[in-house]
């Protein structure tokens, strides 16, 4: 049986602890039985030229997911807000980390 796929979304640019936060979300979702897309892991070791370039990669990945997990502080991130809106547009189930703002 295939596992549901969840995409992790949260702030990166203004969050010095983003790697830890994304890993925490990934671990929680894996323990709950989900397969996980963690974009922080995908881009580990290199950077793209700008925000738009990241979205060109991330949004198609998000479209493959059954769910998106919004991490605490997501609403202050331009990218995470874009991903949240994209999930709504594509009827992707939205989950919120405990303590995360509801959109």
N, C-alpha and C. Protein backbone atom coordinates (compact mmCIF):
# COMPACT_ATOMS: atom_id res chain seq x y z
N UNK A 1 0.84 -1.18 0.00
CA UNK A 1 0.00 0.00 0.00
C UNK A 1 0.88 1.25 0.00
N UNK A 2 0.57 2.19 -0.88
CA UNK A 2 1.34 3.43 -0.95
C UNK A 2 0.96 4.36 0.19
N UNK A 3 1.95 5.09 0.67
CA UNK A 3 1.72 6.09 1.71
C UNK A 3 1.27 7.39 1.08
N UNK A 4 0.44 8.14 1.80
CA UNK A 4 0.13 9.50 1.37
C UNK A 4 1.41 10.32 1.40
N UNK A 5 1.50 11.26 0.47
CA UNK A 5 2.69 12.11 0.34
C UNK A 5 2.40 13.50 0.89
N UNK A 6 3.27 13.98 1.78
CA UNK A 6 3.11 15.31 2.36
C UNK A 6 4.33 16.16 2.01
N UNK A 7 4.07 17.39 1.65
CA UNK A 7 5.09 18.39 1.32
C UNK A 7 5.24 19.30 2.53
N UNK A 8 6.47 19.55 2.97
CA UNK A 8 6.74 20.41 4.12
C UNK A 8 6.95 21.84 3.63
N UNK A 9 6.28 22.81 4.27
CA UNK A 9 6.40 24.21 3.89
C UNK A 9 6.60 25.08 5.12
N UNK A 10 7.50 26.03 5.00
CA UNK A 10 7.76 26.96 6.10
C UNK A 10 8.76 28.01 5.68
N UNK A 11 9.06 28.90 6.60
CA UNK A 11 10.01 29.97 6.32
C UNK A 11 11.44 29.47 6.26
N UNK A 12 12.21 30.04 5.35
CA UNK A 12 13.63 29.70 5.21
C UNK A 12 14.49 30.94 5.36
N UNK A 13 14.28 31.93 4.52
CA UNK A 13 15.18 33.09 4.43
C UNK A 13 15.36 33.83 5.75
N UNK A 14 14.30 34.01 6.50
CA UNK A 14 14.37 34.79 7.75
C UNK A 14 14.44 33.90 8.99
N UNK A 15 14.63 32.61 8.79
CA UNK A 15 14.63 31.65 9.89
C UNK A 15 15.99 30.96 10.01
N UNK A 16 16.81 31.36 10.98
CA UNK A 16 18.13 30.72 11.11
C UNK A 16 18.04 29.25 11.50
N UNK A 17 16.89 28.80 11.99
CA UNK A 17 16.72 27.40 12.40
C UNK A 17 15.90 26.58 11.40
N UNK A 18 15.83 27.05 10.16
CA UNK A 18 14.94 26.41 9.20
C UNK A 18 15.26 24.93 8.97
N UNK A 19 16.54 24.57 8.93
CA UNK A 19 16.88 23.15 8.70
C UNK A 19 16.32 22.26 9.81
N UNK A 20 16.48 22.71 11.04
CA UNK A 20 15.97 21.98 12.21
C UNK A 20 14.44 21.91 12.16
N UNK A 21 13.79 23.01 11.83
CA UNK A 21 12.34 23.05 11.78
C UNK A 21 11.77 22.12 10.71
N UNK A 22 12.37 22.14 9.52
CA UNK A 22 11.91 21.27 8.45
C UNK A 22 12.15 19.80 8.80
N UNK A 23 13.29 19.52 9.41
CA UNK A 23 13.60 18.14 9.82
C UNK A 23 12.59 17.67 10.88
N UNK A 24 12.24 18.55 11.82
CA UNK A 24 11.25 18.20 12.84
C UNK A 24 9.91 17.84 12.17
N UNK A 25 9.48 18.66 11.20
CA UNK A 25 8.25 18.37 10.48
C UNK A 25 8.33 17.06 9.71
N UNK A 26 9.46 16.83 9.09
CA UNK A 26 9.65 15.59 8.33
C UNK A 26 9.56 14.38 9.25
N UNK A 27 10.26 14.44 10.36
CA UNK A 27 10.27 13.32 11.31
C UNK A 27 8.87 13.04 11.84
N UNK A 28 8.15 14.10 12.19
CA UNK A 28 6.78 13.95 12.71
C UNK A 28 5.88 13.28 11.67
N UNK A 29 5.98 13.71 10.42
CA UNK A 29 5.14 13.16 9.38
C UNK A 29 5.52 11.71 9.05
N UNK A 30 6.81 11.41 9.05
CA UNK A 30 7.23 10.03 8.79
C UNK A 30 6.76 9.10 9.91
N UNK A 31 6.84 9.56 11.15
CA UNK A 31 6.35 8.75 12.27
C UNK A 31 4.84 8.53 12.18
N UNK A 32 4.13 9.47 11.57
CA UNK A 32 2.69 9.35 11.39
C UNK A 32 2.33 8.49 10.17
N UNK A 33 3.34 8.01 9.45
CA UNK A 33 3.09 7.10 8.33
C UNK A 33 3.07 7.71 6.95
N UNK A 34 3.50 8.96 6.82
CA UNK A 34 3.51 9.64 5.52
C UNK A 34 4.87 9.49 4.83
N UNK A 35 4.85 9.53 3.52
CA UNK A 35 6.06 9.78 2.74
C UNK A 35 6.19 11.30 2.68
N UNK A 36 7.43 11.81 2.60
CA UNK A 36 7.65 13.25 2.77
C UNK A 36 8.50 13.84 1.64
N UNK A 37 8.07 15.01 1.18
CA UNK A 37 8.91 15.86 0.33
C UNK A 37 9.38 17.00 1.22
N UNK A 38 10.68 17.04 1.47
CA UNK A 38 11.29 18.11 2.27
C UNK A 38 12.15 18.94 1.33
N UNK A 39 11.67 20.11 0.89
CA UNK A 39 12.43 20.89 -0.08
C UNK A 39 13.81 21.33 0.43
N UNK A 40 13.97 21.47 1.73
CA UNK A 40 15.27 21.84 2.28
C UNK A 40 16.30 20.76 1.95
N UNK A 41 15.89 19.51 2.01
CA UNK A 41 16.80 18.41 1.68
C UNK A 41 17.09 18.37 0.18
N UNK A 42 16.10 18.70 -0.62
CA UNK A 42 16.29 18.68 -2.07
C UNK A 42 17.35 19.70 -2.50
N UNK A 43 17.36 20.86 -1.84
CA UNK A 43 18.29 21.93 -2.23
C UNK A 43 19.56 21.94 -1.38
N UNK A 44 19.80 20.90 -0.63
CA UNK A 44 20.98 20.84 0.24
C UNK A 44 22.25 20.86 -0.62
N UNK A 45 23.14 21.78 -0.31
CA UNK A 45 24.42 21.83 -0.99
C UNK A 45 24.51 22.78 -2.18
N UNK A 46 23.42 23.42 -2.54
CA UNK A 46 23.47 24.40 -3.63
C UNK A 46 22.34 25.40 -3.48
N UNK A 47 22.48 26.52 -4.19
CA UNK A 47 21.46 27.55 -4.17
C UNK A 47 21.05 27.89 -5.59
N UNK A 48 19.78 28.21 -5.74
CA UNK A 48 19.28 28.71 -7.02
C UNK A 48 19.42 30.22 -7.04
N UNK A 49 19.20 30.83 -8.21
CA UNK A 49 19.50 32.25 -8.35
C UNK A 49 18.55 33.19 -7.60
N UNK A 50 17.27 32.80 -7.47
CA UNK A 50 16.33 33.71 -6.79
C UNK A 50 15.08 32.96 -6.36
N UNK A 51 14.20 33.68 -5.68
CA UNK A 51 12.96 33.11 -5.16
C UNK A 51 12.13 32.46 -6.26
N UNK A 52 12.01 33.12 -7.37
CA UNK A 52 11.22 32.60 -8.49
C UNK A 52 11.75 31.25 -8.98
N UNK A 53 13.06 31.10 -9.00
CA UNK A 53 13.66 29.83 -9.43
C UNK A 53 13.28 28.70 -8.47
N UNK A 54 13.26 28.99 -7.17
CA UNK A 54 12.84 27.97 -6.20
C UNK A 54 11.38 27.58 -6.42
N UNK A 55 10.54 28.55 -6.65
CA UNK A 55 9.12 28.26 -6.84
C UNK A 55 8.88 27.43 -8.10
N UNK A 56 9.69 27.64 -9.13
CA UNK A 56 9.56 26.86 -10.36
C UNK A 56 9.84 25.38 -10.12
N UNK A 57 10.65 25.09 -9.12
CA UNK A 57 10.93 23.70 -8.75
C UNK A 57 9.94 23.20 -7.72
N UNK A 58 9.65 24.02 -6.71
CA UNK A 58 8.84 23.58 -5.58
C UNK A 58 7.36 23.39 -5.91
N UNK A 59 6.78 24.28 -6.67
CA UNK A 59 5.34 24.17 -6.93
C UNK A 59 4.95 22.89 -7.69
N UNK A 60 5.72 22.48 -8.70
CA UNK A 60 5.39 21.19 -9.32
C UNK A 60 5.55 20.01 -8.35
N UNK A 61 6.51 20.08 -7.44
CA UNK A 61 6.65 19.03 -6.43
C UNK A 61 5.43 19.02 -5.51
N UNK A 62 5.01 20.20 -5.09
CA UNK A 62 3.83 20.31 -4.24
C UNK A 62 2.60 19.70 -4.91
N UNK A 63 2.48 19.89 -6.20
CA UNK A 63 1.32 19.35 -6.94
C UNK A 63 1.26 17.83 -6.91
N UNK A 64 2.38 17.18 -6.62
CA UNK A 64 2.41 15.72 -6.54
C UNK A 64 1.96 15.22 -5.16
N UNK A 65 1.89 16.12 -4.19
CA UNK A 65 1.58 15.74 -2.81
C UNK A 65 0.08 15.62 -2.56
N UNK A 66 -0.25 14.79 -1.58
CA UNK A 66 -1.63 14.66 -1.12
C UNK A 66 -1.95 15.72 -0.08
N UNK A 67 -0.92 16.17 0.64
CA UNK A 67 -1.07 17.12 1.74
C UNK A 67 0.12 18.07 1.76
N UNK A 68 -0.09 19.20 2.42
CA UNK A 68 1.01 20.12 2.72
C UNK A 68 0.98 20.37 4.22
N UNK A 69 2.15 20.34 4.85
CA UNK A 69 2.26 20.66 6.27
C UNK A 69 2.87 22.05 6.39
N UNK A 70 2.11 22.96 6.98
CA UNK A 70 2.59 24.33 7.20
C UNK A 70 3.25 24.39 8.58
N UNK A 71 4.53 24.72 8.60
CA UNK A 71 5.28 24.82 9.85
C UNK A 71 4.98 26.14 10.56
N UNK A 72 5.26 26.20 11.84
CA UNK A 72 5.08 27.44 12.60
C UNK A 72 5.85 28.57 11.92
N UNK A 73 5.22 29.73 11.84
CA UNK A 73 5.85 30.90 11.24
C UNK A 73 5.72 30.98 9.72
N UNK A 74 5.01 30.06 9.12
CA UNK A 74 4.92 30.01 7.66
C UNK A 74 4.36 31.29 7.05
N UNK A 75 3.46 31.96 7.76
CA UNK A 75 2.76 33.11 7.17
C UNK A 75 3.66 34.34 6.98
N UNK A 76 4.88 34.31 7.52
CA UNK A 76 5.81 35.41 7.33
C UNK A 76 6.77 35.15 6.16
N UNK A 77 6.59 34.03 5.49
CA UNK A 77 7.47 33.63 4.39
C UNK A 77 6.74 33.78 3.06
N UNK A 78 7.31 34.54 2.16
CA UNK A 78 6.71 34.72 0.83
C UNK A 78 6.54 33.37 0.12
N UNK A 79 7.56 32.54 0.19
CA UNK A 79 7.49 31.24 -0.48
C UNK A 79 6.44 30.33 0.13
N UNK A 80 6.38 30.28 1.45
CA UNK A 80 5.40 29.42 2.12
C UNK A 80 3.98 29.91 1.85
N UNK A 81 3.77 31.21 1.82
CA UNK A 81 2.44 31.76 1.50
C UNK A 81 2.06 31.37 0.07
N UNK A 82 3.02 31.45 -0.84
CA UNK A 82 2.78 31.03 -2.23
C UNK A 82 2.40 29.56 -2.28
N UNK A 83 3.12 28.73 -1.53
CA UNK A 83 2.83 27.29 -1.50
C UNK A 83 1.45 27.02 -0.89
N UNK A 84 1.12 27.73 0.17
CA UNK A 84 -0.18 27.58 0.82
C UNK A 84 -1.31 27.91 -0.17
N UNK A 85 -1.17 29.03 -0.86
CA UNK A 85 -2.17 29.44 -1.85
C UNK A 85 -2.26 28.44 -3.00
N UNK A 86 -1.12 27.92 -3.40
CA UNK A 86 -1.07 26.94 -4.49
C UNK A 86 -1.78 25.65 -4.06
N UNK A 87 -1.58 25.25 -2.81
CA UNK A 87 -2.26 24.05 -2.30
C UNK A 87 -3.77 24.25 -2.32
N UNK A 88 -4.23 25.43 -1.90
CA UNK A 88 -5.67 25.72 -1.95
C UNK A 88 -6.19 25.62 -3.38
N UNK A 89 -5.47 26.24 -4.30
CA UNK A 89 -5.87 26.26 -5.71
C UNK A 89 -5.98 24.86 -6.30
N UNK A 90 -5.11 23.97 -5.84
CA UNK A 90 -5.06 22.61 -6.39
C UNK A 90 -5.73 21.58 -5.47
N UNK A 91 -6.52 22.06 -4.51
CA UNK A 91 -7.27 21.17 -3.60
C UNK A 91 -6.39 20.15 -2.89
N UNK A 92 -5.22 20.60 -2.47
CA UNK A 92 -4.31 19.77 -1.68
C UNK A 92 -4.65 20.00 -0.22
N UNK A 93 -4.83 18.92 0.52
CA UNK A 93 -5.17 19.00 1.93
C UNK A 93 -4.09 19.77 2.70
N UNK A 94 -4.52 20.73 3.52
CA UNK A 94 -3.57 21.57 4.27
C UNK A 94 -3.61 21.17 5.75
N UNK A 95 -2.43 20.84 6.26
CA UNK A 95 -2.26 20.52 7.68
C UNK A 95 -1.38 21.59 8.29
N UNK A 96 -1.56 21.85 9.56
CA UNK A 96 -0.79 22.87 10.25
C UNK A 96 -0.08 22.25 11.44
N UNK A 97 1.20 22.56 11.57
CA UNK A 97 1.96 22.12 12.72
C UNK A 97 1.31 22.70 13.98
N UNK A 98 1.36 21.99 15.08
CA UNK A 98 0.83 22.54 16.34
C UNK A 98 1.41 23.91 16.59
N UNK A 99 0.54 24.88 16.80
CA UNK A 99 0.98 26.25 17.04
C UNK A 99 1.10 27.11 15.79
N UNK A 100 0.96 26.51 14.63
CA UNK A 100 1.08 27.26 13.37
C UNK A 100 -0.20 28.06 13.11
N UNK A 101 -0.03 29.20 12.48
CA UNK A 101 -1.16 30.05 12.11
C UNK A 101 -2.01 29.32 11.09
N UNK A 102 -3.30 29.47 11.19
CA UNK A 102 -4.22 28.88 10.22
C UNK A 102 -4.46 29.88 9.11
N UNK A 103 -4.48 29.39 7.88
CA UNK A 103 -4.66 30.29 6.75
C UNK A 103 -6.01 30.21 6.12
